[in-house]
């Protein structure tokens, strides 16, 4: 059995973060704000590269400047778009070093809720470490988990505030 070129050989560090957030606006008001990612997340770069703008297959070049995010440029492809309901993006490093593969999947959805909308999110991130012992791997894993916590604890209140400001 050989490793696929889509997977680096080594020990994966995987982080999954999921949750939900109540937004004080109906889905038709909140959804466009959810999709306005630069309005609630800090990006140094958020540029269309190819594909249908705002549609499935769109490719974006990204560089994030947010506490808990890495400093590596990424590209993201819109893998699924259900307008007004759900979007899934696949992220990969823009120019990875050989054997330094990383993959991210982000799934955002929105549904009606008694006080407005319920925003649900799932984020999966995987990188592969090829050196170090069990202690090094555990330290790297703890770092990624901490970074994800910091990131989501920073951006989710910004989204909530953006929706509140839009409906005030």
Protein backbone atom coordinates (compact mmCIF):
# COMPACT_ATOMS: atom_id res chain seq x y z
CA UNK A 1 0.00 0.00 0.00
CA UNK A 2 1.40 3.41 -0.90
CA UNK A 3 0.43 6.82 0.41
CA UNK A 4 -1.67 8.96 -1.88
CA UNK A 5 -0.12 12.22 -3.05
CA UNK A 6 -3.07 13.95 -1.35
CA UNK A 7 -1.83 12.85 2.07
CA UNK A 8 1.50 13.57 3.70
CA UNK A 9 3.19 10.71 5.47
CA UNK A 10 3.58 11.38 9.17
CA UNK A 11 1.46 11.87 12.24
CA UNK A 12 -1.66 14.01 11.81
CA UNK A 13 -2.61 16.77 14.19
CA UNK A 14 -6.36 17.25 13.84
CA UNK A 15 -8.51 19.92 15.41
CA UNK A 16 -12.29 20.01 15.23
CA UNK A 17 -14.27 22.93 16.59
CA UNK A 18 -18.04 23.08 16.38
CA UNK A 19 -20.68 25.16 17.99
CA UNK A 20 -23.67 27.37 17.51
CA UNK A 21 -24.50 30.97 18.07
CA UNK A 22 -27.85 32.69 18.34
CA UNK A 23 -28.07 35.76 16.13
CA UNK A 24 -30.63 38.51 16.74
CA UNK A 25 -31.86 38.67 13.14
CA UNK A 26 -33.86 36.40 10.85
CA UNK A 27 -31.85 34.22 8.43
CA UNK A 28 -32.52 36.49 5.44
CA UNK A 29 -30.82 39.36 7.31
CA UNK A 30 -28.09 37.37 9.08
CA UNK A 31 -26.97 35.20 6.14
CA UNK A 32 -25.42 37.98 4.01
CA UNK A 33 -23.53 39.14 7.11
CA UNK A 34 -22.22 35.60 7.73
CA UNK A 35 -20.93 35.53 4.14
CA UNK A 36 -19.22 38.92 4.57
CA UNK A 37 -16.26 37.18 6.18
CA UNK A 38 -13.91 40.22 6.15
CA UNK A 39 -16.50 42.16 8.18
CA UNK A 40 -16.09 39.84 11.19
CA UNK A 41 -12.68 38.29 10.63
CA UNK A 42 -9.40 40.10 10.03
CA UNK A 43 -7.82 39.29 6.70
CA UNK A 44 -4.74 40.89 5.20
CA UNK A 45 -5.75 39.23 1.94
CA UNK A 46 -9.18 38.04 0.80
CA UNK A 47 -9.14 37.92 -3.01
CA UNK A 48 -11.07 36.16 -5.73
CA UNK A 49 -8.75 33.96 -7.83
CA UNK A 50 -11.06 32.03 -10.14
CA UNK A 51 -14.46 30.41 -10.52
CA UNK A 52 -17.89 31.97 -10.16
CA UNK A 53 -17.76 34.92 -7.75
CA UNK A 54 -19.73 34.01 -4.64
CA UNK A 55 -20.66 30.59 -6.03
CA UNK A 56 -19.69 26.95 -5.80
CA UNK A 57 -16.21 26.42 -7.17
CA UNK A 58 -14.98 29.92 -6.37
CA UNK A 59 -11.31 29.95 -5.39
CA UNK A 60 -10.11 32.62 -2.94
CA UNK A 61 -6.59 33.61 -1.83
CA UNK A 62 -6.49 34.26 1.92
CA UNK A 63 -4.11 35.51 4.55
CA UNK A 64 -5.58 35.91 7.99
CA UNK A 65 -4.48 38.33 10.70
CA UNK A 66 -6.50 37.16 13.69
CA UNK A 67 -5.39 35.98 17.13
CA UNK A 68 -5.03 32.20 16.99
CA UNK A 69 -4.62 32.03 13.22
CA UNK A 70 -1.46 31.05 11.45
CA UNK A 71 0.60 33.39 9.31
CA UNK A 72 0.52 31.08 6.28
CA UNK A 73 -1.29 32.09 3.07
CA UNK A 74 -4.17 29.77 2.15
CA UNK A 75 -6.47 29.17 -0.76
CA UNK A 76 -10.10 28.27 -0.20
CA UNK A 77 -12.60 26.73 -2.56
CA UNK A 78 -16.35 26.95 -2.06
CA UNK A 79 -17.24 23.27 -2.06
CA UNK A 80 -20.97 23.64 -1.39
CA UNK A 81 -23.34 26.57 -1.42
CA UNK A 82 -26.98 26.39 -0.44
CA UNK A 83 -27.94 30.08 -0.68
CA UNK A 84 -29.36 31.45 2.54
CA UNK A 85 -28.69 28.19 4.39
CA UNK A 86 -25.22 26.66 4.18
CA UNK A 87 -21.70 27.05 2.82
CA UNK A 88 -18.70 24.72 3.00
CA UNK A 89 -15.16 25.79 2.20
CA UNK A 90 -12.06 23.65 1.73
CA UNK A 91 -8.77 25.32 2.70
CA UNK A 92 -5.22 24.30 1.78
CA UNK A 93 -1.89 26.06 2.20
CA UNK A 94 -1.08 28.26 -0.77
CA UNK A 95 2.49 27.02 -1.29
CA UNK A 96 3.29 24.23 1.16
CA UNK A 97 6.75 22.87 1.65
CA UNK A 98 7.10 19.25 0.49
CA UNK A 99 5.51 17.00 3.10
CA UNK A 100 3.90 19.99 4.86
CA UNK A 101 0.33 19.40 3.79
CA UNK A 102 -2.50 21.05 5.68
CA UNK A 103 -6.21 20.84 5.08
CA UNK A 104 -9.16 22.67 6.54
CA UNK A 105 -12.90 22.32 6.07
CA UNK A 106 -15.31 24.96 7.37
CA UNK A 107 -19.07 24.40 7.36
CA UNK A 108 -21.39 27.31 8.22
CA UNK A 109 -25.16 26.99 8.29
CA UNK A 110 -28.06 29.10 9.48
CA UNK A 111 -31.65 28.28 10.40
CA UNK A 112 -34.60 30.15 11.89
CA UNK A 113 -34.70 30.34 15.69
CA UNK A 114 -37.23 31.86 18.11
CA UNK A 115 -35.16 35.03 18.62
CA UNK A 116 -33.80 35.30 15.06
CA UNK A 117 -31.33 32.77 13.68
CA UNK A 118 -29.24 29.89 14.87
CA UNK A 119 -25.78 29.93 13.29
CA UNK A 120 -23.95 26.58 13.36
CA UNK A 121 -20.32 26.04 12.53
CA UNK A 122 -17.94 23.14 12.21
CA UNK A 123 -14.27 23.64 11.47
CA UNK A 124 -11.84 20.80 10.82
CA UNK A 125 -8.12 21.39 10.45
CA UNK A 126 -5.37 18.85 9.87
CA UNK A 127 -1.64 19.23 9.49
CA UNK A 128 0.91 16.46 9.50
CA UNK A 129 4.03 16.38 11.60
CA UNK A 130 6.90 14.24 10.39
CA UNK A 131 9.48 14.74 13.08
CA UNK A 132 9.71 14.65 16.83
CA UNK A 133 8.60 12.21 19.43
CA UNK A 134 5.31 11.70 21.26
CA UNK A 135 5.99 14.71 23.50
CA UNK A 136 6.60 16.99 20.48
CA UNK A 137 3.42 15.76 18.81
CA UNK A 138 1.36 16.30 21.99
CA UNK A 139 2.78 19.83 22.34
CA UNK A 140 1.97 20.68 18.73
CA UNK A 141 -1.54 19.27 19.12
CA UNK A 142 -2.11 21.33 22.28
CA UNK A 143 -0.87 24.45 20.48
CA UNK A 144 -3.29 23.96 17.58
CA UNK A 145 -6.21 23.32 19.92
CA UNK A 146 -5.34 26.46 21.89
CA UNK A 147 -5.04 28.52 18.71
CA UNK A 148 -8.45 27.34 17.48
CA UNK A 149 -10.04 28.24 20.83
CA UNK A 150 -8.49 31.70 20.72
CA UNK A 151 -9.57 32.19 17.11
CA UNK A 152 -13.20 31.18 17.61
CA UNK A 153 -13.47 33.02 20.94
CA UNK A 154 -12.35 36.14 19.03
CA UNK A 155 -14.42 35.92 15.83
CA UNK A 156 -17.79 34.68 17.07
CA UNK A 157 -18.50 37.74 19.25
CA UNK A 158 -17.57 39.91 16.24
CA UNK A 159 -20.19 38.13 14.11
CA UNK A 160 -22.78 38.50 16.84
CA UNK A 161 -22.01 42.23 17.15
CA UNK A 162 -22.12 42.71 13.37
CA UNK A 163 -25.64 41.25 13.26
CA UNK A 164 -26.77 43.32 16.26
CA UNK A 165 -25.40 46.51 14.66
CA UNK A 166 -27.15 45.72 11.37
CA UNK A 167 -30.53 45.35 13.09
CA UNK A 168 -30.23 48.31 15.50
